[in-house]
Structures are given as structure tokens and as C-alpha cells.
Amino acid sequence: MPSLAIVILNYNRADLLADCLDSIYAAPTRSTLAVWVVDNASHDGSAAMVRARFPQARLIESPTNGGYSYGNNLALRELLQIADCRLQISKEKASSAIGNLQSAIGNRQAPLPDYIMLLNNDTIVPAGALDGLVDYLEGHPEVGTVGPKLILPDGSLDLACRRSFPTPEVSFYRMLGLSRLFPKSPRFARYNLTYLDPDVETEVDALVGACMLLRSSVVREVGLLDEQFFMYGEDLDWAYRIKQYGWRVAYYPRVVIYHYKRAASTRRAIPSLRAFYDAMRIFHRKHYAATTPTILNTLIEIGITLKEFLALGRNYLRPPASRRVG
């Protein structure tokens, strides 16, 4: 029987988190399941809600909101350390530390689960979805990570659930709006792959951190999320590194998960927008700047900054309830 650990990051959305956890626990899975909730210094009672309603979940309470990568890495790092038995607790600290540790993560000698899923708190997981994704990786040993078809509240596809890497060329087409003008073009619409049938399984460059299932061996091999990314971009970066190690990345639409996208980020629209465009800069500088001509790097940086200013301006003119990211 395979084992699965689900890591859910939460910040001030106890309502969404409760619905997500309810959906996970509503139906049994064929996998041995452990759910880890990382609360990023919420002040809405999220942690207390988890303790009261979902005592079977393993709760990590971060004293600070260090961002998406930072929060998820708290759980991922614990999972890796537990499996490797690298937690060396001195005898002097054992009496106090062991109790705190076990209450947060349970048995520290537990083995690393076969699979690890990153899951947003603003998702609903239908019965059978977890088994479907695990079964896919069980049957495709060459695939390092798989993602489902994500459906938004209006019934449309969350375009981020299957993507190409934002190379300078792909980013250029997207920034000019050509991907929107020609959504069926294999050349111009490469970033969100809108020219492909959303109901057809396909190999892709990247998935979205809202829901992606990975082999634990891949996490160990590739490493944790890059904490340069506060929010956005870390999933693209992780997929880039996974592919560098020779693993395939797959989009599997036979499994559907529902995503209430931007439910948390819209509450802090301006910081979220800045994080969104900062992620673009970080990703380009990390993976493409060294092999891109200087003049083109300059144009890309200018383009990102102009897009950021335009997005901030448009958001400022919107009513607060309709402000969003991206």
C-alpha cells in the first residue's frame, strides 16, 4: 500500500482550509494518508480550528509568514529529516523538545512517504482524486510529478495547471498579448498551452503548486522549494529543476480538483502583485539571464517592470472587491 503526505499551507483562511480538509477526509483512500497543515502566522484562528476539528492532521505553526516556499519547506524539511533520522536531540533538551516535536509531527522514526502532494487551502478534493494521481505515478515510473485538471468556480480551466517554461521567447509573446490574441497557436500560446485539448493527458514543462503530486525520491534528489520566491514562481522553478534531473512532468486531466483561485491573495492585492512580478524577475535571472544577450535581458527587465506598473494601476482603479493578481 503506497503512502502519501499532503502539505497544505494556510494564511488567514480558516474557512477555506476547513472545506479543503473536509473534502480530503470525506472519502477513504487506498494510500496511507498523512496531512500536514502549515499555518503561516495566521491571526484568524486557523490553527485553533485545525486542532479542534482536525486533530488527525499534523499542524506546524510558523511564528512568521515567510511566504509560500518557506512555509511548505517547513513540512518538507521535517518529512525528509524524519525519514533520515537526522533529528539529533541532545539529552539536555530531550524532555522538552521531544514532546513538542511529537505533538507536531508524530513518530519521528516514520519512513519517508512514497509520495508528497502540495495542495492549496483553496481547493476541494473529490472522492477518488488522490488515488487517481497516486495510481498514475505508480504506473508511470519515468514521471517525477503529476498534476490534475484544475477547475475554477465558473467551470473554466485554471490555465496555470499546465504550462511551458517562460523562456524569453515565450514571455515575449505573452507580454505582447499574442497568446491571448491567438490562443490556438502552438507558437504564440505556448505558455498556457491553450492550443491543446484540456481533456488530453500530456507531458508539460510545469504544473502549479495549487496541486502537484511528487515522488518523495524526487524531492530528496532535487531539493526543497527555492525560498527566493516569496509567492508565485516557486512551482515553475521546482519543475525546471525536476526536468533538469531527467524526470518527466505530466498533466493528467482524468483527475479533477476544484480551485477557488486567488481567494487568499486578493485580500492583499498590492503585495501579491509585487510578489508576482518579482517571481518573474527571479526566475529569468536564475535560469535564462546567463545565456541571454545583455540588451535582451535589459528589455525583459523593463518589460516586467512596465507590466507591473500597469497591473498596479489597473488594480488601483478597480473596486476593492474585484482586485486580483495576474
Protein backbone atom coordinates (compact mmCIF):
# COMPACT_ATOMS: atom_id res chain seq x y z
CA MET A 1 0.00 0.00 0.00
CA PRO A 2 1.56 3.35 -1.03
CA SER A 3 1.88 6.17 1.47
CA LEU A 4 1.01 9.81 0.82
CA ALA A 5 1.75 13.00 2.72
CA ILE A 6 -0.26 16.11 1.80
CA VAL A 7 1.22 19.50 2.69
CA ILE A 8 -1.26 22.39 2.90
CA LEU A 9 -0.06 25.93 3.54
CA ASN A 10 -2.52 28.32 5.14
CA TYR A 11 -2.59 32.03 5.84
CA ASN A 12 -5.70 33.59 7.36
CA ARG A 13 -8.24 31.43 5.55
CA ALA A 14 -9.66 29.13 8.20
CA ASP A 15 -12.89 28.91 6.19
CA LEU A 16 -11.24 27.63 3.02
CA LEU A 17 -8.87 25.38 4.95
CA ALA A 18 -11.77 23.71 6.77
CA ASP A 19 -13.55 22.98 3.48
CA CYS A 20 -10.36 21.60 1.95
CA LEU A 21 -9.67 19.31 4.90
CA ASP A 22 -13.30 18.18 4.99
CA SER A 23 -13.04 17.16 1.33
CA ILE A 24 -9.83 15.20 1.95
CA TYR A 25 -11.14 13.29 4.93
CA ALA A 26 -14.62 12.73 3.47
CA ALA A 27 -13.59 9.68 1.44
CA PRO A 28 -11.08 6.95 2.36
CA THR A 29 -8.00 6.49 0.18
CA ARG A 30 -6.12 3.36 -0.76
CA SER A 31 -2.92 5.10 0.35
CA THR A 32 -1.78 5.53 3.91
CA LEU A 33 -2.56 9.21 4.36
CA ALA A 34 -0.92 11.90 6.49
CA VAL A 35 -1.99 15.53 6.18
CA TRP A 36 0.37 18.29 7.25
CA VAL A 37 -1.01 21.80 7.75
CA VAL A 38 1.49 24.64 7.94
CA ASP A 39 -0.02 27.83 9.30
CA ASN A 40 1.94 30.90 8.25
CA ALA A 41 1.30 33.06 11.34
CA SER A 42 -2.43 33.47 10.75
CA HIS A 43 -4.40 35.67 13.13
CA ASP A 44 -7.89 34.40 12.25
CA GLY A 45 -7.91 31.31 14.47
CA SER A 46 -6.86 28.91 11.71
CA ALA A 47 -4.51 26.90 13.93
CA ALA A 48 -7.10 26.59 16.69
CA MET A 49 -9.66 25.42 14.12
CA VAL A 50 -7.33 22.68 12.91
CA ARG A 51 -6.61 21.50 16.44
CA ALA A 52 -10.31 21.41 17.31
CA ARG A 53 -11.83 19.98 14.11
CA PHE A 54 -8.97 18.01 12.54
CA PRO A 55 -6.80 16.59 15.34
CA GLN A 56 -5.59 13.86 12.96
CA ALA A 57 -3.77 16.48 10.87
CA ARG A 58 -0.18 17.32 11.77
CA LEU A 59 -0.04 21.05 12.48
CA ILE A 60 3.05 23.24 12.19
CA GLU A 61 2.57 26.80 13.42
CA SER A 62 5.11 29.17 11.92
CA PRO A 63 5.74 32.28 14.05
CA THR A 64 6.20 34.32 10.88
CA ASN A 65 4.75 34.49 7.39
CA GLY A 66 7.84 33.73 5.37
CA GLY A 67 5.99 33.07 2.13
CA TYR A 68 4.87 30.06 0.13
CA SER A 69 8.23 28.32 -0.30
CA TYR A 70 9.26 28.99 3.27
CA GLY A 71 6.02 27.62 4.71
CA ASN A 72 5.88 24.48 2.59
CA ASN A 73 9.55 23.82 3.25
CA LEU A 74 8.86 23.65 6.99
CA ALA A 75 6.85 20.48 6.39
CA LEU A 76 9.02 19.12 3.56
CA ARG A 77 12.15 19.53 5.65
CA GLU A 78 10.53 17.73 8.59
CA LEU A 79 9.46 14.87 6.33
CA LEU A 80 12.99 14.42 4.98
CA GLN A 81 14.59 14.72 8.39
CA ILE A 82 12.19 12.28 9.99
CA ALA A 83 12.88 9.68 7.33
CA ASP A 84 16.63 10.07 7.57
CA CYS A 85 16.56 10.10 11.37
CA ARG A 86 18.67 13.25 11.26
CA LEU A 87 16.88 14.88 14.14
CA GLN A 88 19.55 14.73 16.82
CA ILE A 89 18.03 15.85 20.08
CA SER A 90 20.52 16.29 22.89
CA LYS A 91 19.83 14.64 26.24
CA GLU A 92 19.72 18.05 27.90
CA LYS A 93 16.86 19.19 25.66
CA ALA A 94 15.13 15.87 25.19
CA SER A 95 12.43 16.21 27.85
CA SER A 96 11.05 19.47 26.46
CA ALA A 97 11.86 19.09 22.77
CA ILE A 98 10.53 15.57 22.24
CA GLY A 99 7.06 16.45 23.47
CA ASN A 100 6.81 19.50 21.20
CA LEU A 101 8.19 17.61 18.24
CA GLN A 102 5.93 14.59 18.60
CA SER A 103 2.84 16.74 19.01
CA ALA A 104 3.66 18.48 15.72
CA ILE A 105 4.90 15.59 13.61
CA GLY A 106 4.08 12.34 15.37
CA ASN A 107 6.55 9.47 15.28
CA ARG A 108 9.93 10.83 14.15
CA GLN A 109 11.11 7.39 13.09
CA ALA A 110 8.36 7.10 10.47
CA PRO A 111 9.66 6.38 6.97
CA LEU A 112 9.51 8.92 4.18
CA PRO A 113 6.15 8.52 2.41
CA ASP A 114 6.20 7.28 -1.17
CA TYR A 115 4.52 10.43 -2.43
CA ILE A 116 4.22 14.06 -1.34
CA MET A 117 1.50 16.42 -2.53
CA LEU A 118 1.49 20.19 -2.36
CA LEU A 119 -2.10 21.36 -2.08
CA ASN A 120 -3.57 24.83 -1.71
CA ASN A 121 -6.02 25.55 1.06
CA ASP A 122 -8.45 26.94 -1.56
CA THR A 123 -9.06 23.57 -3.22
CA ILE A 124 -11.74 20.92 -2.95
CA VAL A 125 -10.64 17.32 -3.49
CA PRO A 126 -13.35 15.00 -4.84
CA ALA A 127 -13.50 11.34 -3.80
CA GLY A 128 -11.03 9.25 -5.75
CA ALA A 129 -8.82 12.15 -6.85
CA LEU A 130 -5.93 11.30 -4.54
CA ASP A 131 -5.99 7.64 -5.56
CA GLY A 132 -6.11 8.64 -9.22
CA LEU A 133 -2.95 10.72 -9.01
CA VAL A 134 -1.09 8.13 -6.94
CA ASP A 135 -2.12 5.40 -9.37
CA TYR A 136 -0.75 7.48 -12.23
CA LEU A 137 2.71 7.75 -10.70
CA GLU A 138 2.61 4.09 -9.72
CA GLY A 139 2.04 3.22 -13.38
CA HIS A 140 4.50 5.75 -14.89
CA PRO A 141 7.92 5.31 -13.28
CA GLU A 142 9.51 7.87 -15.61
CA VAL A 143 7.25 10.69 -14.32
CA GLY A 144 8.52 12.65 -11.35
CA THR A 145 5.47 14.81 -10.74
CA VAL A 146 1.87 14.87 -11.96
CA GLY A 147 -0.91 17.42 -11.71
CA PRO A 148 -4.67 17.19 -12.22
CA LYS A 149 -7.11 19.25 -14.22
CA LEU A 150 -7.94 22.24 -12.02
CA ILE A 151 -11.38 23.76 -12.44
CA LEU A 152 -12.25 27.30 -11.33
CA PRO A 153 -15.57 28.26 -9.69
CA ASP A 154 -17.01 29.37 -13.05
CA GLY A 155 -16.30 25.95 -14.54
CA SER A 156 -13.35 27.09 -16.66
CA LEU A 157 -9.87 25.58 -16.67
CA ASP A 158 -7.26 27.06 -14.38
CA LEU A 159 -4.72 27.76 -17.13
CA ALA A 160 -1.81 27.55 -14.70
CA CYS A 161 -2.30 23.80 -14.19
CA ARG A 162 -0.29 23.02 -17.36
CA ARG A 163 2.39 25.37 -18.63
CA SER A 164 5.54 25.80 -20.64
CA PHE A 165 8.56 27.48 -19.10
CA PRO A 166 8.61 31.28 -19.57
CA THR A 167 11.64 31.41 -21.84
CA PRO A 168 12.47 34.87 -23.24
CA GLU A 169 10.61 33.97 -26.46
CA VAL A 170 7.53 32.59 -24.71
CA SER A 171 7.48 35.53 -22.29
CA PHE A 172 7.78 37.99 -25.19
CA TYR A 173 4.70 36.57 -26.91
CA ARG A 174 2.78 36.63 -23.65
CA MET A 175 3.76 40.18 -22.70
CA LEU A 176 2.73 41.46 -26.11
CA GLY A 177 -0.66 39.81 -25.71
CA LEU A 178 -0.16 37.49 -28.67
CA SER A 179 -1.03 34.44 -26.57
CA ARG A 180 -4.42 35.98 -25.84
CA LEU A 181 -5.00 37.07 -29.44
CA PHE A 182 -4.04 33.67 -30.83
CA PRO A 183 -4.97 31.11 -28.16
CA LYS A 184 -4.92 28.23 -30.68
CA SER A 185 -1.44 28.99 -31.96
CA PRO A 186 1.24 26.43 -30.99
CA ARG A 187 3.78 29.23 -31.33
CA PHE A 188 2.16 32.16 -29.56
CA ALA A 189 0.11 30.28 -26.94
CA ARG A 190 2.86 28.06 -25.60
CA TYR A 191 2.90 29.36 -22.03
CA ASN A 192 -0.59 28.19 -21.05
CA LEU A 193 -0.83 25.58 -23.83
CA THR A 194 -4.30 26.81 -24.77
CA TYR A 195 -3.96 25.22 -28.19
CA LEU A 196 -4.13 21.76 -26.56
CA ASP A 197 -7.30 19.92 -25.59
CA PRO A 198 -7.61 20.30 -21.78
CA ASP A 199 -9.03 16.78 -21.54
CA VAL A 200 -5.99 15.09 -23.09
CA GLU A 201 -3.14 13.79 -20.96
CA THR A 202 0.14 15.37 -21.97
CA GLU A 203 3.72 15.93 -20.90
CA VAL A 204 4.29 19.56 -19.92
CA ASP A 205 7.07 21.74 -18.60
CA ALA A 206 5.39 22.78 -15.39
CA LEU A 207 2.38 22.34 -13.14
CA VAL A 208 1.01 24.65 -10.47
CA GLY A 209 1.72 24.42 -6.76
CA ALA A 210 -2.02 24.54 -6.03
CA CYS A 211 -1.95 20.77 -6.59
CA MET A 212 1.04 18.72 -7.62
CA LEU A 213 1.98 15.20 -6.58
CA LEU A 214 5.65 14.25 -6.46
CA ARG A 215 7.65 11.14 -5.73
CA SER A 216 9.38 11.64 -2.40
CA SER A 217 12.58 10.40 -4.02
CA VAL A 218 12.35 13.35 -6.43
CA VAL A 219 12.03 15.83 -3.56
CA ARG A 220 15.10 14.29 -1.96
CA GLU A 221 17.01 14.36 -5.24
CA VAL A 222 16.05 17.84 -6.44
CA GLY A 223 15.82 19.61 -3.09
CA LEU A 224 13.27 21.87 -1.46
CA LEU A 225 11.43 24.86 -2.88
CA ASP A 226 13.61 27.91 -3.53
CA GLU A 227 12.87 30.46 -0.81
CA GLN A 228 13.96 33.35 -3.03
CA PHE A 229 10.37 33.14 -4.27
CA PHE A 230 8.03 34.59 -1.66
CA MET A 231 4.89 33.71 -3.59
CA TYR A 232 4.47 32.61 -7.24
CA GLY A 233 7.18 31.15 -9.45
CA GLU A 234 8.46 28.56 -7.00
CA ASP A 235 6.43 25.82 -8.70
CA LEU A 236 7.87 26.73 -12.11
CA ASP A 237 11.36 26.69 -10.62
CA TRP A 238 10.78 23.31 -8.97
CA ALA A 239 9.51 21.82 -12.23
CA TYR A 240 12.51 23.26 -14.08
CA ARG A 241 14.88 21.56 -11.66
CA ILE A 242 12.90 18.30 -11.77
CA LYS A 243 13.26 18.20 -15.55
CA GLN A 244 16.97 19.01 -15.27
CA TYR A 245 17.32 15.76 -13.32
CA GLY A 246 15.73 13.86 -16.20
CA TRP A 247 12.22 13.37 -14.83
CA ARG A 248 9.05 13.90 -16.83
CA VAL A 249 6.25 16.23 -15.75
CA ALA A 250 2.71 15.14 -16.59
CA TYR A 251 -0.73 16.73 -16.76
CA TYR A 252 -3.43 14.15 -16.05
CA PRO A 253 -6.95 15.51 -16.68
CA ARG A 254 -8.79 12.32 -15.75
CA VAL A 255 -8.39 13.60 -12.19
CA VAL A 256 -10.24 16.85 -11.47
CA ILE A 257 -9.76 19.11 -8.44
CA TYR A 258 -11.63 22.36 -7.82
CA HIS A 259 -9.66 25.53 -7.20
CA TYR A 260 -11.00 28.77 -5.73
CA LYS A 261 -8.08 30.66 -7.20
CA ARG A 262 -6.82 33.94 -5.71
CA ALA A 263 -9.10 33.56 -2.71
CA ALA A 264 -6.25 34.44 -0.35
CA SER A 265 -4.08 36.74 -2.49
CA THR A 266 -6.93 39.11 -3.33
CA ARG A 267 -7.06 40.17 0.30
CA ARG A 268 -3.57 41.62 -0.12
CA ALA A 269 -3.69 42.59 -3.78
CA ILE A 270 -0.77 45.06 -3.90
CA PRO A 271 1.82 42.89 -2.07
CA SER A 272 0.63 39.88 -4.08
CA LEU A 273 1.05 41.73 -7.37
CA ARG A 274 4.56 42.79 -6.42
CA ALA A 275 5.42 39.21 -5.47
CA PHE A 276 4.01 38.01 -8.80
CA TYR A 277 6.30 40.24 -10.87
CA ASP A 278 9.27 39.73 -8.54
CA ALA A 279 8.88 35.99 -9.23
CA MET A 280 9.19 36.69 -12.97
CA ARG A 281 12.44 38.55 -12.41
CA ILE A 282 13.88 35.89 -10.12
CA PHE A 283 13.02 33.05 -12.50
CA HIS A 284 14.52 34.80 -15.51
CA ARG A 285 17.69 35.82 -13.69
CA LYS A 286 18.15 32.33 -12.27
CA HIS A 287 17.56 30.25 -15.39
CA TYR A 288 17.90 32.41 -18.51
CA ALA A 289 19.86 35.62 -17.91
CA ALA A 290 23.28 33.98 -18.21
CA THR A 291 22.53 32.68 -21.71
CA THR A 292 20.57 35.72 -22.92
CA PRO A 293 22.19 38.74 -24.63
CA THR A 294 22.58 41.74 -22.33
CA ILE A 295 20.35 44.01 -24.39
CA LEU A 296 17.57 41.42 -24.35
CA ASN A 297 17.94 40.96 -20.59
CA THR A 298 17.53 44.72 -20.22
CA LEU A 299 14.41 44.74 -22.39
CA ILE A 300 12.94 41.83 -20.41
CA GLU A 301 13.54 43.62 -17.09
CA ILE A 302 11.97 46.80 -18.49
CA GLY A 303 9.02 44.82 -19.84
CA ILE A 304 8.38 43.14 -16.48
CA THR A 305 8.52 46.49 -14.69
CA LEU A 306 6.13 48.13 -17.16
CA LYS A 307 3.70 45.22 -16.82
CA GLU A 308 3.92 45.52 -13.04
CA PHE A 309 3.15 49.26 -13.09
CA LEU A 310 0.22 48.72 -15.47
CA ALA A 311 -1.17 45.91 -13.29
CA LEU A 312 -0.83 48.02 -10.14
CA GLY A 313 -2.55 50.93 -11.87
CA ARG A 314 -5.44 48.80 -13.13
CA ASN A 315 -5.87 47.23 -9.71
CA TYR A 316 -5.94 50.64 -8.05
CA LEU A 317 -8.82 51.71 -10.32
CA ARG A 318 -10.88 48.60 -9.56
CA PRO A 319 -13.31 48.38 -6.62
CA PRO A 320 -11.57 46.62 -3.70
CA ALA A 321 -13.75 43.52 -4.03
CA SER A 322 -12.61 42.90 -7.62
CA ARG A 323 -8.88 43.46 -7.19
CA ARG A 324 -6.80 40.47 -8.18
CA VAL A 325 -3.38 39.16 -9.14
CA GLY A 326 -2.15 38.36 -12.67
